[in-house]
Amino acid sequence: MIFISELASQRVKEILVAEGKEDGYFVRVSVKGGGCSGLSYDIQFDNQIQPDDQFFEDKGIKLCTDLMSFLYVCNSTLEFSEGLNGKGFYFTNPNAARSCACGESFAV
């Protein structure tokens, strides 16, 4: 499963409304090679379902990941911070052995 925090859920809903992407859109989470720790997260809004997609729903938000990325983000939580040192969207990932200071890349 992939989870989303309450604050991140609220922010995603706001962005979906602002961009007119309320119906049929979901948050696609993927992992790509790169970043200072070796792997990096990619999140975007999507409405195209792929054959190996894994779907989850938490706090009214549909989250999707491909099967390969799911191995890296299983049980992770999409978070949002809006403080002075806020990162915007980021992940709390129990599978990450280490992550970079910016929180955008990780290693397992």
C-alpha atoms as a PDB file:
ATOM      1  CA  MET A   1       0.000   0.000   0.000  1.00  0.00           C
ATOM      2  CA  ILE A   2       1.004   3.610  -0.474  1.00  0.00           C
ATOM      3  CA  PHE A   3      -0.351   6.122   2.016  1.00  0.00           C
ATOM      4  CA  ILE A   4      -0.896   9.878   1.965  1.00  0.00           C
ATOM      5  CA  SER A   5      -0.872  12.246   4.926  1.00  0.00           C
ATOM      6  CA  GLU A   6      -3.872  14.441   5.695  1.00  0.00           C
ATOM      7  CA  LEU A   7      -2.011  17.626   4.698  1.00  0.00           C
ATOM      8  CA  ALA A   8      -0.759  16.090   1.447  1.00  0.00           C
ATOM      9  CA  SER A   9      -4.276  14.855   0.680  1.00  0.00           C
ATOM     10  CA  GLN A  10      -5.703  18.346   1.128  1.00  0.00           C
ATOM     11  CA  ARG A  11      -2.992  19.860  -1.078  1.00  0.00           C
ATOM     12  CA  VAL A  12      -3.500  17.270  -3.840  1.00  0.00           C
ATOM     13  CA  LYS A  13      -7.253  17.975  -3.829  1.00  0.00           C
ATOM     14  CA  GLU A  14      -6.584  21.728  -4.115  1.00  0.00           C
ATOM     15  CA  ILE A  15      -4.210  21.238  -7.050  1.00  0.00           C
ATOM     16  CA  LEU A  16      -6.586  18.862  -8.858  1.00  0.00           C
ATOM     17  CA  VAL A  17      -9.403  21.418  -8.605  1.00  0.00           C
ATOM     18  CA  ALA A  18      -7.158  24.308  -9.661  1.00  0.00           C
ATOM     19  CA  GLU A  19      -5.946  22.375 -12.716  1.00  0.00           C
ATOM     20  CA  GLY A  20      -9.410  21.054 -13.623  1.00  0.00           C
ATOM     21  CA  LYS A  21      -8.287  17.446 -13.201  1.00  0.00           C
ATOM     22  CA  GLU A  22     -10.863  16.232 -10.707  1.00  0.00           C
ATOM     23  CA  ASP A  23     -12.530  13.433 -12.679  1.00  0.00           C
ATOM     24  CA  GLY A  24     -10.555  10.333 -13.578  1.00  0.00           C
ATOM     25  CA  TYR A  25      -7.160  11.610 -12.436  1.00  0.00           C
ATOM     26  CA  PHE A  26      -4.916   9.980  -9.857  1.00  0.00           C
ATOM     27  CA  VAL A  27      -1.467  10.530  -8.381  1.00  0.00           C
ATOM     28  CA  ARG A  28       1.136   8.429 -10.181  1.00  0.00           C
ATOM     29  CA  VAL A  29       4.171   7.579  -8.061  1.00  0.00           C
ATOM     30  CA  SER A  30       7.248   6.171  -9.740  1.00  0.00           C
ATOM     31  CA  VAL A  31      10.897   5.579  -8.965  1.00  0.00           C
ATOM     32  CA  LYS A  32      13.622   6.361 -11.469  1.00  0.00           C
ATOM     33  CA  GLY A  33      17.373   5.948 -11.432  1.00  0.00           C
ATOM     34  CA  GLY A  34      19.255   9.125 -10.568  1.00  0.00           C
ATOM     35  CA  GLY A  35      19.607  11.710  -7.867  1.00  0.00           C
ATOM     36  CA  CYS A  36      22.453  12.000  -5.413  1.00  0.00           C
ATOM     37  CA  SER A  37      21.454   8.800  -3.566  1.00  0.00           C
ATOM     38  CA  GLY A  38      20.846   6.620  -6.625  1.00  0.00           C
ATOM     39  CA  LEU A  39      17.046   6.548  -6.965  1.00  0.00           C
ATOM     40  CA  SER A  40      14.590   9.415  -7.178  1.00  0.00           C
ATOM     41  CA  TYR A  41      10.848   9.800  -6.761  1.00  0.00           C
ATOM     42  CA  ASP A  42       8.586  11.098  -9.493  1.00  0.00           C
ATOM     43  CA  ILE A  43       4.994  12.133  -8.799  1.00  0.00           C
ATOM     44  CA  GLN A  44       2.522  13.494 -11.300  1.00  0.00           C
ATOM     45  CA  PHE A  45      -1.169  13.534 -12.101  1.00  0.00           C
ATOM     46  CA  ASP A  46      -2.261  10.968 -14.650  1.00  0.00           C
ATOM     47  CA  ASN A  47      -5.442   9.521 -16.106  1.00  0.00           C
ATOM     48  CA  GLN A  48      -3.930   6.772 -18.253  1.00  0.00           C
ATOM     49  CA  ILE A  49      -3.928   3.268 -16.756  1.00  0.00           C
ATOM     50  CA  GLN A  50      -0.997   0.996 -17.651  1.00  0.00           C
ATOM     51  CA  PRO A  51      -1.123  -2.838 -17.604  1.00  0.00           C
ATOM     52  CA  ASP A  52       1.085  -3.302 -14.500  1.00  0.00           C
ATOM     53  CA  ASP A  53      -0.384  -0.447 -12.417  1.00  0.00           C
ATOM     54  CA  GLN A  54      -1.088  -1.008  -8.748  1.00  0.00           C
ATOM     55  CA  PHE A  55      -3.872   1.205  -7.326  1.00  0.00           C
ATOM     56  CA  PHE A  56      -4.474   2.310  -3.756  1.00  0.00           C
ATOM     57  CA  GLU A  57      -6.800   4.818  -2.149  1.00  0.00           C
ATOM     58  CA  ASP A  58      -6.135   6.706   1.056  1.00  0.00           C
ATOM     59  CA  LYS A  59      -7.986   9.724   2.484  1.00  0.00           C
ATOM     60  CA  GLY A  60     -10.002  10.067  -0.721  1.00  0.00           C
ATOM     61  CA  ILE A  61      -6.948  10.205  -3.009  1.00  0.00           C
ATOM     62  CA  LYS A  62      -6.245   7.553  -5.639  1.00  0.00           C
ATOM     63  CA  LEU A  63      -2.563   6.639  -5.783  1.00  0.00           C
ATOM     64  CA  CYS A  64      -0.995   4.517  -8.494  1.00  0.00           C
ATOM     65  CA  THR A  65       2.417   2.998  -9.093  1.00  0.00           C
ATOM     66  CA  ASP A  66       3.886   0.570 -11.552  1.00  0.00           C
ATOM     67  CA  LEU A  67       4.879  -2.839 -10.228  1.00  0.00           C
ATOM     68  CA  MET A  68       8.653  -2.181 -10.312  1.00  0.00           C
ATOM     69  CA  SER A  69       8.341   1.127  -8.444  1.00  0.00           C
ATOM     70  CA  PHE A  70       6.026  -0.484  -5.893  1.00  0.00           C
ATOM     71  CA  LEU A  71       8.921  -2.644  -4.706  1.00  0.00           C
ATOM     72  CA  TYR A  72      10.683   0.560  -3.601  1.00  0.00           C
ATOM     73  CA  VAL A  73       7.718   2.566  -2.270  1.00  0.00           C
ATOM     74  CA  CYS A  74       5.655  -0.119  -0.539  1.00  0.00           C
ATOM     75  CA  ASN A  75       4.326   1.234   2.789  1.00  0.00           C
ATOM     76  CA  SER A  76       5.615   4.741   2.028  1.00  0.00           C
ATOM     77  CA  THR A  77       3.639   7.876   2.850  1.00  0.00           C
ATOM     78  CA  LEU A  78       3.349  10.901   0.570  1.00  0.00           C
ATOM     79  CA  GLU A  79       3.758  13.932   2.820  1.00  0.00           C
ATOM     80  CA  PHE A  80       3.524  17.699   2.343  1.00  0.00           C
ATOM     81  CA  SER A  81       5.300  20.430   4.266  1.00  0.00           C
ATOM     82  CA  GLU A  82       4.558  24.111   3.957  1.00  0.00           C
ATOM     83  CA  GLY A  83       6.783  25.533   6.716  1.00  0.00           C
ATOM     84  CA  LEU A  84       9.710  27.903   6.299  1.00  0.00           C
ATOM     85  CA  ASN A  85      11.999  24.970   5.607  1.00  0.00           C
ATOM     86  CA  GLY A  86       9.214  23.108   3.809  1.00  0.00           C
ATOM     87  CA  LYS A  87      10.002  20.696   1.030  1.00  0.00           C
ATOM     88  CA  GLY A  88       6.588  20.639  -0.627  1.00  0.00           C
ATOM     89  CA  PHE A  89       5.744  17.013  -1.402  1.00  0.00           C
ATOM     90  CA  TYR A  90       8.106  14.347  -0.117  1.00  0.00           C
ATOM     91  CA  PHE A  91       8.032  10.709   0.975  1.00  0.00           C
ATOM     92  CA  THR A  92       8.503   8.961   4.277  1.00  0.00           C
ATOM     93  CA  ASN A  93       9.855   5.663   3.023  1.00  0.00           C
ATOM     94  CA  PRO A  94      10.575   2.799   5.459  1.00  0.00           C
ATOM     95  CA  ASN A  95      12.425   0.950   2.674  1.00  0.00           C
ATOM     96  CA  ALA A  96      15.081   3.626   2.190  1.00  0.00           C
ATOM     97  CA  ALA A  97      18.460   2.807   3.737  1.00  0.00           C
ATOM     98  CA  ARG A  98      19.511   6.429   3.231  1.00  0.00           C
ATOM     99  CA  SER A  99      18.230   9.542   1.526  1.00  0.00           C
ATOM    100  CA  CYS A 100      19.735  12.837   0.472  1.00  0.00           C
ATOM    101  CA  ALA A 101      19.231  16.081   2.377  1.00  0.00           C
ATOM    102  CA  CYS A 102      16.697  17.391  -0.146  1.00  0.00           C
ATOM    103  CA  GLY A 103      14.530  14.282   0.292  1.00  0.00           C
ATOM    104  CA  GLU A 104      14.141  13.771  -3.454  1.00  0.00           C
ATOM    105  CA  SER A 105      16.392  10.744  -3.792  1.00  0.00           C
ATOM    106  CA  PHE A 106      17.122   7.629  -1.775  1.00  0.00           C
ATOM    107  CA  ALA A 107      18.937   4.292  -1.736  1.00  0.00           C
ATOM    108  CA  VAL A 108      17.840   0.855  -0.589  1.00  0.00           C
END
